[in-house]
N, C-alpha and C. Protein backbone atom coordinates (compact mmCIF):
# COMPACT_ATOMS: atom_id res chain seq x y z
N MET A 1 -8.40 -5.91 -21.39
CA MET A 1 -8.06 -4.94 -21.06
C MET A 1 -6.35 -4.26 -21.79
N SER A 2 -6.39 -4.13 -22.06
CA SER A 2 -5.05 -3.61 -22.77
C SER A 2 -4.17 -2.65 -22.31
N VAL A 3 -2.76 -2.86 -21.79
CA VAL A 3 -2.15 -1.96 -20.80
C VAL A 3 -1.00 -1.53 -22.18
N ALA A 4 -0.96 0.05 -22.07
CA ALA A 4 -0.45 0.43 -23.02
C ALA A 4 1.43 0.25 -22.61
N ALA A 5 2.55 0.52 -23.05
CA ALA A 5 3.57 0.53 -22.79
C ALA A 5 4.21 1.58 -21.81
N THR A 6 3.53 2.43 -21.98
CA THR A 6 4.49 4.04 -21.33
C THR A 6 3.28 4.32 -20.60
N GLY A 7 3.20 5.34 -19.60
CA GLY A 7 2.08 6.06 -18.46
C GLY A 7 1.50 5.18 -18.17
N VAL A 8 1.47 4.11 -17.90
CA VAL A 8 0.86 3.43 -16.72
C VAL A 8 1.23 3.42 -15.27
N ASP A 9 0.33 3.52 -14.51
CA ASP A 9 0.64 3.82 -12.74
C ASP A 9 0.27 2.56 -12.64
N ILE A 10 1.33 1.38 -12.38
CA ILE A 10 1.24 0.24 -11.72
C ILE A 10 0.42 -0.12 -10.90
N GLY A 11 -0.17 1.09 -9.56
CA GLY A 11 -1.19 0.82 -9.00
C GLY A 11 -2.87 0.98 -9.59
N THR A 12 -2.93 1.15 -10.42
CA THR A 12 -3.88 1.00 -11.13
C THR A 12 -4.45 -0.11 -11.86
N LEU A 13 -3.34 -1.38 -11.63
CA LEU A 13 -3.69 -2.39 -12.38
C LEU A 13 -4.31 -3.19 -11.59
N ILE A 14 -4.36 -3.37 -10.07
CA ILE A 14 -4.94 -3.95 -8.97
C ILE A 14 -6.19 -3.24 -8.09
N THR A 15 -6.97 -4.16 -7.82
CA THR A 15 -7.95 -3.38 -7.04
C THR A 15 -8.34 -4.66 -5.95
N ARG A 16 -9.14 -4.13 -4.81
CA ARG A 16 -9.69 -4.66 -3.56
C ARG A 16 -11.07 -3.98 -3.39
N SER A 17 -11.95 -4.59 -3.71
CA SER A 17 -13.29 -4.13 -3.41
C SER A 17 -14.54 -4.95 -2.80
N PRO A 18 -14.44 -4.64 -1.65
CA PRO A 18 -15.66 -5.90 -0.44
C PRO A 18 -16.49 -6.58 -1.55
N GLY A 19 -16.93 -6.11 -2.45
CA GLY A 19 -18.38 -6.26 -2.96
C GLY A 19 -17.99 -6.98 -4.74
N ILE A 20 -16.43 -7.12 -4.58
CA ILE A 20 -16.26 -8.21 -5.79
C ILE A 20 -15.12 -8.48 -5.43
N LYS A 21 -15.40 -9.73 -6.17
CA LYS A 21 -14.55 -11.30 -5.68
C LYS A 21 -14.20 -11.42 -4.33
N GLY A 22 -15.49 -11.08 -3.23
CA GLY A 22 -15.19 -11.18 -2.18
C GLY A 22 -14.19 -10.50 -1.65
N GLY A 23 -13.87 -9.39 -2.31
CA GLY A 23 -13.03 -8.44 -1.49
C GLY A 23 -11.29 -9.25 -1.40
N ILE A 24 -11.16 -10.03 -2.57
CA ILE A 24 -9.50 -10.31 -2.93
C ILE A 24 -9.20 -9.64 -3.72
N PRO A 25 -7.64 -9.46 -3.84
CA PRO A 25 -7.04 -8.56 -5.21
C PRO A 25 -7.63 -8.87 -6.22
N HIS A 26 -7.58 -8.36 -6.97
CA HIS A 26 -7.77 -8.77 -8.86
C HIS A 26 -7.08 -8.07 -9.37
N LEU A 27 -7.33 -8.52 -10.73
CA LEU A 27 -6.94 -7.30 -12.00
C LEU A 27 -7.90 -6.57 -12.31
N VAL A 28 -7.48 -5.42 -12.30
CA VAL A 28 -9.10 -4.35 -12.66
C VAL A 28 -9.49 -4.62 -14.06
N GLY A 29 -10.82 -4.85 -13.99
CA GLY A 29 -11.45 -4.89 -15.51
C GLY A 29 -11.31 -6.72 -16.23
N THR A 30 -11.16 -7.70 -15.33
CA THR A 30 -10.77 -8.76 -15.18
C THR A 30 -11.17 -9.37 -14.29
N GLY A 31 -11.76 -10.90 -14.40
CA GLY A 31 -12.55 -11.57 -13.18
C GLY A 31 -10.80 -12.55 -12.86
N VAL A 32 -9.97 -12.22 -13.34
CA VAL A 32 -8.54 -12.73 -12.62
C VAL A 32 -7.90 -12.20 -11.16
N THR A 33 -7.83 -13.08 -10.67
CA THR A 33 -7.45 -12.77 -9.00
C THR A 33 -6.02 -12.96 -9.06
N VAL A 34 -5.39 -12.37 -8.12
CA VAL A 34 -3.95 -12.39 -7.82
C VAL A 34 -3.58 -13.42 -7.74
N ARG A 35 -4.59 -14.46 -6.44
CA ARG A 35 -4.29 -15.59 -6.36
C ARG A 35 -4.23 -16.46 -7.35
N THR A 36 -4.76 -16.49 -8.77
CA THR A 36 -4.99 -17.11 -9.31
C THR A 36 -3.49 -17.10 -9.93
N ILE A 37 -2.87 -16.05 -10.68
CA ILE A 37 -1.94 -15.74 -11.20
C ILE A 37 -0.60 -16.39 -9.97
N ALA A 38 -0.32 -16.06 -8.71
CA ALA A 38 0.28 -16.64 -7.93
C ALA A 38 0.29 -18.15 -8.01
N ARG A 39 -0.53 -18.71 -7.99
CA ARG A 39 -0.74 -19.91 -8.38
C ARG A 39 -0.23 -21.33 -8.86
N TRP A 40 -0.43 -20.11 -10.29
CA TRP A 40 0.17 -20.84 -11.72
C TRP A 40 1.71 -20.20 -11.69
N TYR A 41 2.06 -19.65 -10.73
CA TYR A 41 3.33 -18.88 -11.09
C TYR A 41 4.27 -19.73 -9.89
N LYS A 42 3.45 -20.51 -8.71
CA LYS A 42 4.22 -21.13 -8.11
C LYS A 42 4.57 -22.67 -8.72
N LEU A 43 3.45 -22.78 -9.36
CA LEU A 43 3.24 -24.75 -10.39
C LEU A 43 4.45 -24.51 -11.16
N GLY A 44 5.28 -23.06 -11.66
CA GLY A 44 6.24 -23.51 -12.06
C GLY A 44 6.09 -22.72 -13.79
N LEU A 45 5.01 -21.78 -13.50
CA LEU A 45 4.74 -21.03 -15.41
C LEU A 45 5.27 -19.79 -14.92
N SER A 46 6.21 -19.85 -16.11
CA SER A 46 6.88 -18.46 -16.30
C SER A 46 5.02 -16.84 -16.68
N PRO A 47 6.01 -16.16 -16.38
CA PRO A 47 5.05 -14.92 -16.62
C PRO A 47 4.19 -14.75 -17.96
N GLU A 48 5.44 -15.52 -18.96
CA GLU A 48 5.07 -15.37 -20.48
C GLU A 48 4.02 -16.56 -20.41
N GLU A 49 4.12 -17.65 -19.85
CA GLU A 49 3.21 -18.55 -20.26
C GLU A 49 1.57 -18.53 -19.43
N ILE A 50 1.72 -17.75 -18.47
CA ILE A 50 0.66 -17.34 -18.03
C ILE A 50 0.23 -16.32 -18.44
N ALA A 51 0.59 -15.21 -18.94
CA ALA A 51 -0.65 -14.77 -20.34
C ALA A 51 -0.91 -15.21 -21.13
N ALA A 52 -0.08 -16.22 -21.98
CA ALA A 52 -0.18 -16.80 -23.00
C ALA A 52 -1.64 -17.88 -22.49
N GLU A 53 -1.93 -18.66 -21.44
CA GLU A 53 -2.74 -19.20 -21.04
C GLU A 53 -4.28 -18.26 -20.86
N ILE A 54 -3.98 -17.04 -20.30
CA ILE A 54 -4.92 -16.23 -19.83
C ILE A 54 -4.94 -15.20 -20.70
N SER A 55 -5.40 -15.38 -21.98
CA SER A 55 -4.86 -14.43 -23.18
C SER A 55 -5.55 -13.16 -23.38
N HIS A 56 -6.43 -12.87 -22.42
CA HIS A 56 -7.00 -11.61 -22.32
C HIS A 56 -6.25 -10.65 -21.84
N LEU A 57 -5.24 -11.39 -20.90
CA LEU A 57 -4.18 -10.55 -20.26
C LEU A 57 -3.04 -10.06 -20.88
N ASP A 58 -2.51 -8.91 -20.53
CA ASP A 58 -1.24 -8.38 -21.05
C ASP A 58 -0.25 -8.98 -20.07
N LEU A 59 1.15 -9.07 -20.31
CA LEU A 59 2.31 -9.72 -19.69
C LEU A 59 2.53 -8.60 -18.64
N ALA A 60 2.19 -7.46 -18.59
CA ALA A 60 2.35 -6.08 -17.81
C ALA A 60 1.37 -6.65 -16.50
N GLN A 61 -0.05 -7.00 -16.92
CA GLN A 61 -0.69 -7.19 -15.88
C GLN A 61 -0.85 -8.81 -15.05
N VAL A 62 -0.19 -9.27 -15.44
CA VAL A 62 0.75 -10.57 -15.17
C VAL A 62 1.90 -10.51 -14.08
N TYR A 63 2.77 -9.57 -14.61
CA TYR A 63 4.15 -9.15 -13.53
C TYR A 63 3.06 -8.35 -12.46
N ALA A 64 2.13 -6.94 -12.48
CA ALA A 64 1.85 -6.60 -11.68
C ALA A 64 0.84 -7.11 -10.68
N ALA A 65 0.30 -8.28 -11.00
CA ALA A 65 -0.14 -9.27 -10.15
C ALA A 65 1.02 -9.91 -9.50
N LEU A 66 1.85 -10.60 -9.67
CA LEU A 66 3.07 -11.43 -9.26
C LEU A 66 4.21 -9.91 -8.49
N ALA A 67 3.72 -8.75 -8.82
CA ALA A 67 4.79 -7.97 -8.03
C ALA A 67 3.74 -8.03 -6.50
N TYR A 68 2.64 -7.67 -6.48
CA TYR A 68 1.42 -7.69 -5.75
C TYR A 68 2.07 -8.70 -5.00
N TYR A 69 1.17 -10.04 -5.19
CA TYR A 69 1.89 -11.39 -4.69
C TYR A 69 3.28 -11.09 -3.79
N HIS A 70 4.47 -11.03 -4.53
CA HIS A 70 5.68 -10.57 -3.75
C HIS A 70 5.55 -9.42 -2.77
N SER A 71 5.11 -8.58 -2.90
CA SER A 71 4.78 -7.01 -1.89
C SER A 71 4.15 -7.65 -0.55
N ASN A 72 3.05 -8.40 -0.53
CA ASN A 72 2.05 -9.12 0.26
C ASN A 72 2.09 -10.62 0.41
N ARG A 73 3.37 -11.23 0.36
CA ARG A 73 3.19 -12.77 0.21
C ARG A 73 2.85 -13.30 1.90
N GLU A 74 3.13 -12.93 2.55
CA GLU A 74 2.42 -13.47 4.29
C GLU A 74 0.95 -13.36 3.97
N GLU A 75 0.43 -12.35 3.64
CA GLU A 75 -0.73 -12.13 3.51
C GLU A 75 -1.88 -12.86 2.48
N MET A 76 -0.96 -13.18 1.15
CA MET A 76 -1.07 -13.73 0.39
C MET A 76 -1.29 -15.18 0.87
N GLU A 77 -0.26 -15.48 1.21
CA GLU A 77 0.07 -17.38 1.72
C GLU A 77 -1.04 -17.66 2.73
N ALA A 78 -0.96 -16.58 3.52
CA ALA A 78 -2.56 -16.96 4.64
C ALA A 78 -3.70 -17.09 4.34
N ASP A 79 -4.03 -16.43 3.13
CA ASP A 79 -5.24 -16.58 2.04
C ASP A 79 -5.59 -17.75 1.64
N MET A 80 -4.45 -17.93 0.85
CA MET A 80 -4.45 -19.32 -0.26
C MET A 80 -4.20 -20.49 1.07
N ALA A 81 -3.72 -20.45 1.77
CA ALA A 81 -3.62 -21.90 2.58
C ALA A 81 -5.16 -21.80 3.39
N ALA A 82 -5.67 -20.84 3.85
CA ALA A 82 -7.17 -21.36 4.45
C ALA A 82 -8.07 -21.55 3.11
N GLU A 83 -8.12 -20.50 1.93
CA GLU A 83 -8.65 -21.50 1.16
C GLU A 83 -8.79 -22.85 0.56
N GLN A 84 -7.48 -23.15 0.33
CA GLN A 84 -7.16 -24.51 0.57
C GLN A 84 -7.99 -25.57 1.63
N ALA A 85 -7.56 -24.79 2.80
CA ALA A 85 -7.90 -26.24 3.91
C ALA A 85 -9.67 -26.04 3.66
N GLU A 86 -10.28 -24.97 3.60
CA GLU A 86 -11.56 -24.91 3.11
C GLU A 86 -12.39 -25.78 2.22
N SER A 87 -11.73 -25.53 0.72
CA SER A 87 -11.80 -26.61 -0.13
C SER A 87 -11.72 -27.89 0.52
N ASP A 88 -10.46 -28.65 1.34
CA ASP A 88 -10.20 -30.46 1.51
C ASP A 88 -11.64 -30.10 2.35
N ARG A 89 -11.52 -29.73 3.25
CA ARG A 89 -13.03 -29.47 4.17
C ARG A 89 -14.02 -29.74 3.47
N ILE A 90 -14.68 -29.22 2.68
CA ILE A 90 -15.75 -29.07 2.17
C ILE A 90 -15.63 -30.37 1.03
N GLU A 91 -14.59 -30.76 0.43
CA GLU A 91 -14.22 -32.38 -0.19
C GLU A 91 -14.67 -33.12 0.44
N GLN A 92 -13.57 -33.47 1.59
CA GLN A 92 -14.09 -34.40 2.67
C GLN A 92 -15.48 -34.35 2.81
N ASP A 93 -16.30 -33.72 3.22
CA ASP A 93 -17.55 -33.89 3.59
C ASP A 93 -18.51 -34.48 2.65
N HIS A 94 -18.07 -33.88 1.55
CA HIS A 94 -18.78 -34.48 0.24
C HIS A 94 -18.13 -36.02 -0.28
N THR A 95 -17.25 -36.39 0.02
CA THR A 95 -17.10 -37.80 -0.27
C THR A 95 -16.48 -38.63 0.73
N ARG A 96 -17.25 -38.68 2.32
CA ARG A 96 -16.89 -39.19 3.06
C ARG A 96 -18.18 -40.54 2.88
N PRO A 97 -17.50 -41.61 3.27
CA PRO A 97 -18.39 -42.85 2.77
C PRO A 97 -19.32 -42.73 3.55
N ARG A 98 -20.55 -43.50 3.24
CA ARG A 98 -21.83 -43.66 4.19
C ARG A 98 -22.37 -45.00 4.26
N ASP A 99 -22.62 -45.01 5.26
CA ASP A 99 -23.00 -46.96 5.39
C ASP A 99 -24.57 -46.89 5.13
N TYR A 100 -24.91 -47.49 3.89
CA TYR A 100 -26.75 -47.28 3.60
C TYR A 100 -27.31 -48.77 4.19
N ARG A 101 -26.64 -49.67 4.93
CA ARG A 101 -27.27 -50.42 5.35
C ARG A 101 -27.47 -50.45 6.81
N THR A 102 -28.34 -51.08 7.37
CA THR A 102 -29.15 -51.45 8.56
C THR A 102 -28.56 -52.81 8.66
N THR A 103 -28.88 -52.72 10.23
CA THR A 103 -28.70 -54.41 10.69
C THR A 103 -29.80 -55.53 10.53
N ASP A 104 -31.27 -54.75 9.62
CA ASP A 104 -31.96 -55.97 9.21
C ASP A 104 -32.12 -55.76 7.32
N ASN A 105 -31.07 -55.31 6.80
CA ASN A 105 -30.58 -55.27 5.55
C ASN A 105 -31.44 -54.93 4.93
N LYS A 106 -32.09 -53.65 5.21
CA LYS A 106 -32.73 -52.71 4.79
C LYS A 106 -32.22 -51.61 4.13
N THR A 107 -32.10 -50.79 2.87
CA THR A 107 -31.39 -49.54 2.84
C THR A 107 -31.62 -48.44 3.40
N THR A 108 -30.93 -47.54 3.55
CA THR A 108 -31.56 -46.97 4.29
C THR A 108 -30.82 -45.54 3.85
N GLY A 109 -31.13 -44.37 4.00
CA GLY A 109 -30.04 -43.28 3.96
C GLY A 109 -30.45 -42.29 2.05
N LEU A 110 -31.17 -43.14 1.61
CA LEU A 110 -31.85 -43.13 0.38
C LEU A 110 -33.18 -41.89 0.41
N ARG A 111 -34.01 -42.28 1.25
CA ARG A 111 -34.73 -41.36 1.75
C ARG A 111 -34.06 -39.74 2.19
N ASP A 112 -32.99 -39.66 2.85
CA ASP A 112 -32.86 -38.17 2.57
C ASP A 112 -32.30 -37.44 1.49
N HIS A 113 -32.72 -38.12 0.31
CA HIS A 113 -32.56 -37.53 -1.06
C HIS A 113 -33.65 -38.02 -1.48
N GLY A 114 -34.91 -37.73 -1.08
CA GLY A 114 -35.90 -38.09 -1.79
C GLY A 114 -36.19 -39.25 -2.64
N ARG A 115 -35.39 -40.42 -2.28
CA ARG A 115 -35.74 -41.56 -2.92
C ARG A 115 -36.11 -42.72 -1.95
N SER A 116 -36.37 -43.64 -2.00
CA SER A 116 -37.22 -44.90 -1.17
C SER A 116 -36.28 -46.25 -1.83
N PRO A 117 -35.98 -47.24 -0.88
CA PRO A 117 -35.08 -48.21 -1.39
C PRO A 117 -36.06 -48.92 -2.79
N SER A 118 -37.26 -48.92 -2.65
CA SER A 118 -37.85 -49.20 -3.98
C SER A 118 -37.43 -48.60 -5.79
N ASP A 119 -36.74 -47.60 -5.37
CA ASP A 119 -36.46 -47.07 -6.45
C ASP A 119 -34.81 -47.41 -6.67
N LEU A 120 -34.32 -48.55 -6.51
CA LEU A 120 -33.47 -49.18 -6.96
C LEU A 120 -33.80 -50.30 -7.71
């Protein structure tokens, strides 16, 4: 989406719809969320660098996302923290070491995944 230099209502650049992107704020006509822009900005990328990395965005769209983030910082930070906590929980659940040995030295746990010890 190309944003013209004049005549753009900044309020038309960001939308929030329950059925799109889970209702989180995103740039209209793109798959880019305000969270994505805010995260890159918080990592130290300038708006110009963000626009260069996401080449289908205009600089005005990046600034609109940052304006939205700064205007709704408390809500955005809470959403990002909740998303990070859920991501951490999922990662921990899937990287938790499992003990595949029993007291009689037979391998167990593989049957849970449709395999038997003889498949080793």
